[in-house]
C-alpha atoms as a PDB file:
ATOM      1  CA  UNK A   1       0.000   0.000   0.000  1.00  0.00           C
ATOM      2  CA  UNK A   2       1.457   3.333  -0.977  1.00  0.00           C
ATOM      3  CA  UNK A   3       2.126   6.056   1.554  1.00  0.00           C
ATOM      4  CA  UNK A   4      -0.839   8.397   1.467  1.00  0.00           C
ATOM      5  CA  UNK A   5      -0.365  12.102   0.912  1.00  0.00           C
ATOM      6  CA  UNK A   6      -2.921  14.866   0.517  1.00  0.00           C
ATOM      7  CA  UNK A   7      -3.643  14.722  -3.194  1.00  0.00           C
ATOM      8  CA  UNK A   8      -5.928  16.643  -5.529  1.00  0.00           C
ATOM      9  CA  UNK A   9      -8.969  14.852  -6.882  1.00  0.00           C
ATOM     10  CA  UNK A  10      -8.281  14.769 -10.586  1.00  0.00           C
ATOM     11  CA  UNK A  11     -10.238  12.805 -13.183  1.00  0.00           C
ATOM     12  CA  UNK A  12      -7.944  10.945 -15.540  1.00  0.00           C
ATOM     13  CA  UNK A  13      -8.948   9.313 -18.787  1.00  0.00           C
ATOM     14  CA  UNK A  14      -6.112   6.812 -18.433  1.00  0.00           C
ATOM     15  CA  UNK A  15      -7.732   5.223 -15.375  1.00  0.00           C
ATOM     16  CA  UNK A  16     -10.656   3.053 -16.378  1.00  0.00           C
ATOM     17  CA  UNK A  17     -13.341   2.023 -13.891  1.00  0.00           C
ATOM     18  CA  UNK A  18     -12.845  -1.754 -14.121  1.00  0.00           C
ATOM     19  CA  UNK A  19     -15.282  -3.668 -11.968  1.00  0.00           C
ATOM     20  CA  UNK A  20     -17.299  -0.516 -11.401  1.00  0.00           C
ATOM     21  CA  UNK A  21     -21.012  -0.285 -12.094  1.00  0.00           C
ATOM     22  CA  UNK A  22     -22.352   3.267 -12.289  1.00  0.00           C
ATOM     23  CA  UNK A  23     -25.076   4.313  -9.888  1.00  0.00           C
ATOM     24  CA  UNK A  24     -28.401   5.352 -11.340  1.00  0.00           C
ATOM     25  CA  UNK A  25     -28.986   7.565  -8.296  1.00  0.00           C
ATOM     26  CA  UNK A  26     -26.309   9.918  -7.023  1.00  0.00           C
ATOM     27  CA  UNK A  27     -26.587  10.048  -3.245  1.00  0.00           C
ATOM     28  CA  UNK A  28     -23.742  11.847  -1.530  1.00  0.00           C
ATOM     29  CA  UNK A  29     -23.474   9.501   1.453  1.00  0.00           C
ATOM     30  CA  UNK A  30     -19.675   9.722   1.431  1.00  0.00           C
ATOM     31  CA  UNK A  31     -19.656  13.489   1.944  1.00  0.00           C
ATOM     32  CA  UNK A  32     -22.282  13.177   4.653  1.00  0.00           C
ATOM     33  CA  UNK A  33     -20.243  10.593   6.562  1.00  0.00           C
ATOM     34  CA  UNK A  34     -16.816  12.204   6.166  1.00  0.00           C
ATOM     35  CA  UNK A  35     -18.239  15.563   7.264  1.00  0.00           C
ATOM     36  CA  UNK A  36     -18.814  13.926  10.662  1.00  0.00           C
ATOM     37  CA  UNK A  37     -15.088  13.316  11.060  1.00  0.00           C
ATOM     38  CA  UNK A  38     -12.625  10.445  11.161  1.00  0.00           C
ATOM     39  CA  UNK A  39     -14.009   8.805  14.304  1.00  0.00           C
ATOM     40  CA  UNK A  40     -17.468   8.421  12.766  1.00  0.00           C
ATOM     41  CA  UNK A  41     -16.008   7.039   9.516  1.00  0.00           C
ATOM     42  CA  UNK A  42     -13.985   4.483  11.500  1.00  0.00           C
ATOM     43  CA  UNK A  43     -17.057   3.547  13.538  1.00  0.00           C
ATOM     44  CA  UNK A  44     -19.059   2.780  10.379  1.00  0.00           C
ATOM     45  CA  UNK A  45     -16.100   0.929   8.854  1.00  0.00           C
ATOM     46  CA  UNK A  46     -15.744  -1.350  11.887  1.00  0.00           C
ATOM     47  CA  UNK A  47     -19.348  -2.507  11.441  1.00  0.00           C
ATOM     48  CA  UNK A  48     -18.793  -3.338   7.752  1.00  0.00           C
ATOM     49  CA  UNK A  49     -18.507  -7.051   6.880  1.00  0.00           C
ATOM     50  CA  UNK A  50     -15.592  -6.530   4.430  1.00  0.00           C
ATOM     51  CA  UNK A  51     -13.532  -4.959   7.225  1.00  0.00           C
ATOM     52  CA  UNK A  52     -14.549  -7.649   9.700  1.00  0.00           C
ATOM     53  CA  UNK A  53     -13.086 -10.323   7.400  1.00  0.00           C
ATOM     54  CA  UNK A  54      -9.613  -8.772   7.577  1.00  0.00           C
ATOM     55  CA  UNK A  55      -7.032 -10.158   9.992  1.00  0.00           C
ATOM     56  CA  UNK A  56      -6.181  -8.100  13.070  1.00  0.00           C
ATOM     57  CA  UNK A  57      -2.909  -6.750  11.665  1.00  0.00           C
ATOM     58  CA  UNK A  58      -4.653  -5.526   8.517  1.00  0.00           C
ATOM     59  CA  UNK A  59      -7.420  -3.909  10.554  1.00  0.00           C
ATOM     60  CA  UNK A  60      -4.853  -2.046  12.655  1.00  0.00           C
ATOM     61  CA  UNK A  61      -3.023  -0.928   9.509  1.00  0.00           C
ATOM     62  CA  UNK A  62      -6.211   0.478   7.966  1.00  0.00           C
ATOM     63  CA  UNK A  63      -7.184   2.313  11.158  1.00  0.00           C
ATOM     64  CA  UNK A  64      -3.672   3.728  11.538  1.00  0.00           C
ATOM     65  CA  UNK A  65      -3.739   5.058   7.970  1.00  0.00           C
ATOM     66  CA  UNK A  66      -7.144   6.653   8.564  1.00  0.00           C
ATOM     67  CA  UNK A  67      -6.025   8.289  11.799  1.00  0.00           C
ATOM     68  CA  UNK A  68      -2.540   9.446  10.818  1.00  0.00           C
ATOM     69  CA  UNK A  69      -1.971   9.527   7.056  1.00  0.00           C
ATOM     70  CA  UNK A  70      -5.137  10.816   5.399  1.00  0.00           C
ATOM     71  CA  UNK A  71      -7.301  13.892   5.493  1.00  0.00           C
ATOM     72  CA  UNK A  72     -10.857  12.811   6.214  1.00  0.00           C
ATOM     73  CA  UNK A  73     -12.125  13.520   2.681  1.00  0.00           C
ATOM     74  CA  UNK A  74      -9.635  10.922   1.375  1.00  0.00           C
ATOM     75  CA  UNK A  75     -10.638   8.238   3.863  1.00  0.00           C
ATOM     76  CA  UNK A  76     -11.697   5.763   1.174  1.00  0.00           C
ATOM     77  CA  UNK A  77      -8.055   5.363   0.090  1.00  0.00           C
ATOM     78  CA  UNK A  78      -7.371   3.391   3.273  1.00  0.00           C
ATOM     79  CA  UNK A  79      -9.621   0.635   1.931  1.00  0.00           C
ATOM     80  CA  UNK A  80      -7.470  -0.154  -1.083  1.00  0.00           C
ATOM     81  CA  UNK A  81      -5.904  -3.597  -1.391  1.00  0.00           C
ATOM     82  CA  UNK A  82      -3.646  -2.575  -4.258  1.00  0.00           C
ATOM     83  CA  UNK A  83      -2.252   0.633  -5.784  1.00  0.00           C
ATOM     84  CA  UNK A  84      -0.243   1.093  -8.948  1.00  0.00           C
ATOM     85  CA  UNK A  85       0.680   3.721 -11.501  1.00  0.00           C
ATOM     86  CA  UNK A  86      -1.403   3.091 -14.617  1.00  0.00           C
ATOM     87  CA  UNK A  87       1.529   4.160 -16.793  1.00  0.00           C
ATOM     88  CA  UNK A  88       4.548   1.955 -17.436  1.00  0.00           C
ATOM     89  CA  UNK A  89       2.850  -1.219 -18.663  1.00  0.00           C
ATOM     90  CA  UNK A  90       4.710  -1.718 -21.910  1.00  0.00           C
ATOM     91  CA  UNK A  91       6.487  -4.962 -20.989  1.00  0.00           C
ATOM     92  CA  UNK A  92       5.505  -8.557 -20.296  1.00  0.00           C
ATOM     93  CA  UNK A  93       7.214  -8.325 -16.908  1.00  0.00           C
ATOM     94  CA  UNK A  94       4.980  -5.446 -15.771  1.00  0.00           C
ATOM     95  CA  UNK A  95       1.823  -7.479 -16.466  1.00  0.00           C
ATOM     96  CA  UNK A  96       3.299 -10.623 -14.919  1.00  0.00           C
ATOM     97  CA  UNK A  97       4.165  -8.785 -11.703  1.00  0.00           C
ATOM     98  CA  UNK A  98       0.678  -7.276 -11.429  1.00  0.00           C
ATOM     99  CA  UNK A  99      -0.951 -10.633 -12.162  1.00  0.00           C
ATOM    100  CA  UNK A 100       1.085 -12.350  -9.440  1.00  0.00           C
ATOM    101  CA  UNK A 101       0.189  -9.630  -6.945  1.00  0.00           C
ATOM    102  CA  UNK A 102      -3.527  -9.976  -7.697  1.00  0.00           C
ATOM    103  CA  UNK A 103      -3.375 -13.755  -7.378  1.00  0.00           C
ATOM    104  CA  UNK A 104      -1.692 -13.292  -3.996  1.00  0.00           C
ATOM    105  CA  UNK A 105      -4.342 -10.814  -2.813  1.00  0.00           C
ATOM    106  CA  UNK A 106      -7.110 -13.188  -3.934  1.00  0.00           C
ATOM    107  CA  UNK A 107      -5.337 -16.026  -2.076  1.00  0.00           C
ATOM    108  CA  UNK A 108      -5.631 -18.428  -4.998  1.00  0.00           C
ATOM    109  CA  UNK A 109      -1.950 -19.281  -5.509  1.00  0.00           C
ATOM    110  CA  UNK A 110      -2.625 -22.953  -4.783  1.00  0.00           C
ATOM    111  CA  UNK A 111      -5.177 -23.071  -7.613  1.00  0.00           C
ATOM    112  CA  UNK A 112      -2.743 -21.881 -10.279  1.00  0.00           C
ATOM    113  CA  UNK A 113      -0.482 -24.383 -12.030  1.00  0.00           C
ATOM    114  CA  UNK A 114       1.356 -22.061 -14.391  1.00  0.00           C
ATOM    115  CA  UNK A 115       1.550 -18.436 -15.540  1.00  0.00           C
ATOM    116  CA  UNK A 116       3.061 -17.546 -18.894  1.00  0.00           C
ATOM    117  CA  UNK A 117       3.455 -13.928 -20.041  1.00  0.00           C
ATOM    118  CA  UNK A 118       5.449 -13.352 -23.214  1.00  0.00           C
ATOM    119  CA  UNK A 119       5.953 -10.434 -25.562  1.00  0.00           C
ATOM    120  CA  UNK A 120       5.902 -11.111 -29.294  1.00  0.00           C
ATOM    121  CA  UNK A 121       6.262  -8.184 -31.653  1.00  0.00           C
ATOM    122  CA  UNK A 122       3.760  -5.651 -30.339  1.00  0.00           C
ATOM    123  CA  UNK A 123       1.626  -8.096 -28.394  1.00  0.00           C
ATOM    124  CA  UNK A 124       1.813  -9.315 -24.806  1.00  0.00           C
ATOM    125  CA  UNK A 125       0.279 -12.784 -24.576  1.00  0.00           C
ATOM    126  CA  UNK A 126      -0.912 -13.808 -21.121  1.00  0.00           C
ATOM    127  CA  UNK A 127      -1.836 -17.405 -20.287  1.00  0.00           C
ATOM    128  CA  UNK A 128      -2.962 -18.829 -16.954  1.00  0.00           C
ATOM    129  CA  UNK A 129      -3.237 -22.583 -16.422  1.00  0.00           C
ATOM    130  CA  UNK A 130      -5.322 -23.603 -13.408  1.00  0.00           C
ATOM    131  CA  UNK A 131      -4.907 -26.789 -11.396  1.00  0.00           C
ATOM    132  CA  UNK A 132      -7.957 -28.111 -13.251  1.00  0.00           C
ATOM    133  CA  UNK A 133      -6.030 -27.635 -16.514  1.00  0.00           C
ATOM    134  CA  UNK A 134      -8.284 -24.768 -17.574  1.00  0.00           C
ATOM    135  CA  UNK A 135      -6.358 -22.431 -19.865  1.00  0.00           C
ATOM    136  CA  UNK A 136      -7.242 -18.742 -19.663  1.00  0.00           C
ATOM    137  CA  UNK A 137      -5.836 -16.300 -22.192  1.00  0.00           C
ATOM    138  CA  UNK A 138      -5.652 -12.573 -22.830  1.00  0.00           C
ATOM    139  CA  UNK A 139      -3.624 -10.499 -25.298  1.00  0.00           C
ATOM    140  CA  UNK A 140      -2.511  -6.895 -24.817  1.00  0.00           C
ATOM    141  CA  UNK A 141      -1.936  -4.849 -27.969  1.00  0.00           C
ATOM    142  CA  UNK A 142       0.878  -2.441 -27.095  1.00  0.00           C
ATOM    143  CA  UNK A 143       0.311  -0.400 -30.262  1.00  0.00           C
ATOM    144  CA  UNK A 144      -3.219   0.319 -29.101  1.00  0.00           C
ATOM    145  CA  UNK A 145      -2.584   0.762 -25.372  1.00  0.00           C
ATOM    146  CA  UNK A 146       1.014   2.073 -25.555  1.00  0.00           C
ATOM    147  CA  UNK A 147       2.398   2.131 -22.009  1.00  0.00           C
ATOM    148  CA  UNK A 148      -0.926   2.513 -20.169  1.00  0.00           C
ATOM    149  CA  UNK A 149      -2.408  -0.428 -18.278  1.00  0.00           C
ATOM    150  CA  UNK A 150      -4.933  -2.376 -20.341  1.00  0.00           C
ATOM    151  CA  UNK A 151      -7.712  -2.445 -17.748  1.00  0.00           C
ATOM    152  CA  UNK A 152      -9.605  -5.052 -19.772  1.00  0.00           C
ATOM    153  CA  UNK A 153      -6.835  -7.413 -18.692  1.00  0.00           C
ATOM    154  CA  UNK A 154      -8.161  -7.052 -15.150  1.00  0.00           C
ATOM    155  CA  UNK A 155     -11.844  -7.041 -16.015  1.00  0.00           C
ATOM    156  CA  UNK A 156     -11.924  -9.749 -18.680  1.00  0.00           C
ATOM    157  CA  UNK A 157      -9.123 -12.088 -17.587  1.00  0.00           C
ATOM    158  CA  UNK A 158      -9.090 -11.730 -13.795  1.00  0.00           C
ATOM    159  CA  UNK A 159     -12.622 -10.693 -12.828  1.00  0.00           C
ATOM    160  CA  UNK A 160     -14.623 -12.524 -15.492  1.00  0.00           C
ATOM    161  CA  UNK A 161     -12.516 -15.647 -16.054  1.00  0.00           C
ATOM    162  CA  UNK A 162     -10.015 -16.473 -13.324  1.00  0.00           C
ATOM    163  CA  UNK A 163     -11.891 -15.565 -10.145  1.00  0.00           C
ATOM    164  CA  UNK A 164     -15.157 -17.361 -11.049  1.00  0.00           C
ATOM    165  CA  UNK A 165     -13.193 -20.503 -11.934  1.00  0.00           C
ATOM    166  CA  UNK A 166     -11.571 -20.439  -8.497  1.00  0.00           C
ATOM    167  CA  UNK A 167     -14.993 -20.106  -6.814  1.00  0.00           C
ATOM    168  CA  UNK A 168     -14.245 -16.594  -5.633  1.00  0.00           C
ATOM    169  CA  UNK A 169     -17.205 -14.214  -5.435  1.00  0.00           C
ATOM    170  CA  UNK A 170     -14.987 -11.163  -5.049  1.00  0.00           C
ATOM    171  CA  UNK A 171     -13.402  -9.078  -7.778  1.00  0.00           C
ATOM    172  CA  UNK A 172     -10.995  -6.196  -8.239  1.00  0.00           C
ATOM    173  CA  UNK A 173     -12.831  -2.876  -8.417  1.00  0.00           C
ATOM    174  CA  UNK A 174     -11.238   0.511  -9.052  1.00  0.00           C
ATOM    175  CA  UNK A 175     -11.903   3.150  -6.433  1.00  0.00           C
ATOM    176  CA  UNK A 176     -12.257   6.785  -7.569  1.00  0.00           C
ATOM    177  CA  UNK A 177      -9.065   7.770  -9.365  1.00  0.00           C
ATOM    178  CA  UNK A 178      -6.384  10.029  -7.915  1.00  0.00           C
ATOM    179  CA  UNK A 179      -4.446  11.426 -10.863  1.00  0.00           C
ATOM    180  CA  UNK A 180      -3.107   8.386 -12.792  1.00  0.00           C
ATOM    181  CA  UNK A 181      -2.836   6.105  -9.762  1.00  0.00           C
ATOM    182  CA  UNK A 182      -5.204   3.132  -9.720  1.00  0.00           C
ATOM    183  CA  UNK A 183      -6.510   2.448  -6.218  1.00  0.00           C
ATOM    184  CA  UNK A 184      -8.087  -0.991  -6.191  1.00  0.00           C
ATOM    185  CA  UNK A 185     -10.206  -2.851  -3.665  1.00  0.00           C
ATOM    186  CA  UNK A 186     -10.807  -6.619  -3.659  1.00  0.00           C
ATOM    187  CA  UNK A 187     -14.438  -7.033  -2.681  1.00  0.00           C
ATOM    188  CA  UNK A 188     -17.729  -8.614  -3.713  1.00  0.00           C
ATOM    189  CA  UNK A 189     -20.065  -6.492  -5.821  1.00  0.00           C
ATOM    190  CA  UNK A 190     -22.714  -6.622  -3.083  1.00  0.00           C
ATOM    191  CA  UNK A 191     -20.281  -5.412  -0.429  1.00  0.00           C
ATOM    192  CA  UNK A 192     -19.033  -2.683  -2.757  1.00  0.00           C
ATOM    193  CA  UNK A 193     -22.563  -1.379  -3.264  1.00  0.00           C
ATOM    194  CA  UNK A 194     -23.174  -1.574   0.483  1.00  0.00           C
ATOM    195  CA  UNK A 195     -19.981   0.372   1.158  1.00  0.00           C
ATOM    196  CA  UNK A 196     -21.237   3.186  -1.062  1.00  0.00           C
ATOM    197  CA  UNK A 197     -24.639   3.170   0.639  1.00  0.00           C
ATOM    198  CA  UNK A 198     -22.923   3.354   4.019  1.00  0.00           C
ATOM    199  CA  UNK A 199     -20.810   6.306   2.868  1.00  0.00           C
ATOM    200  CA  UNK A 200     -17.482   4.481   3.022  1.00  0.00           C
ATOM    201  CA  UNK A 201     -16.757   4.846  -0.701  1.00  0.00           C
ATOM    202  CA  UNK A 202     -17.723   7.808  -2.923  1.00  0.00           C
ATOM    203  CA  UNK A 203     -19.079   7.477  -6.415  1.00  0.00           C
ATOM    204  CA  UNK A 204     -16.607   8.624  -9.079  1.00  0.00           C
ATOM    205  CA  UNK A 205     -18.687  11.493 -10.388  1.00  0.00           C
ATOM    206  CA  UNK A 206     -19.480  12.894  -6.938  1.00  0.00           C
ATOM    207  CA  UNK A 207     -15.849  12.766  -5.799  1.00  0.00           C
ATOM    208  CA  UNK A 208     -14.511  14.458  -8.906  1.00  0.00           C
ATOM    209  CA  UNK A 209     -16.886  17.399  -9.050  1.00  0.00           C
END
């Protein structure tokens, strides 16, 4: 998890909302909750099932970040499971490293037999072989994406193929973007929607106004 600084809220076209389903109703629950201060945000967070599933060390880390490292209006950043710069993904190694990190976060290492990520001409070919000998594939076109992360790699390969095959009901969902940094939470869709209703996570459009 990156060290959190006070950052401007900047929309960035390079950060796609993978795993994110837009709200039909814009209710500013996040602003309402954060206006009550850090202690109230932490109180609501502690009653949230996603937080309750974390081990004690992770819970303490999240609370410490909320109390010491973030201004209250950036509280949602403490919930991230993964952060990375969306620029700099022009090599096979960059995708392989991210893939391994996501597999580790999802705790499905023992269900993966082999990972193969190779660059051929202007394509990065990604193959995952599960323990059930299911072969999952995705290809990144560097000419099209250049050095930005291909977020469809996360949505189509990880969220839609790999996680369901490992009987995991969670997925990687992008939190509201801060500049070109992707802040990602690993959570079920139901819990993600509940987090927004509880005011723990803002909607993109509300946060970036």
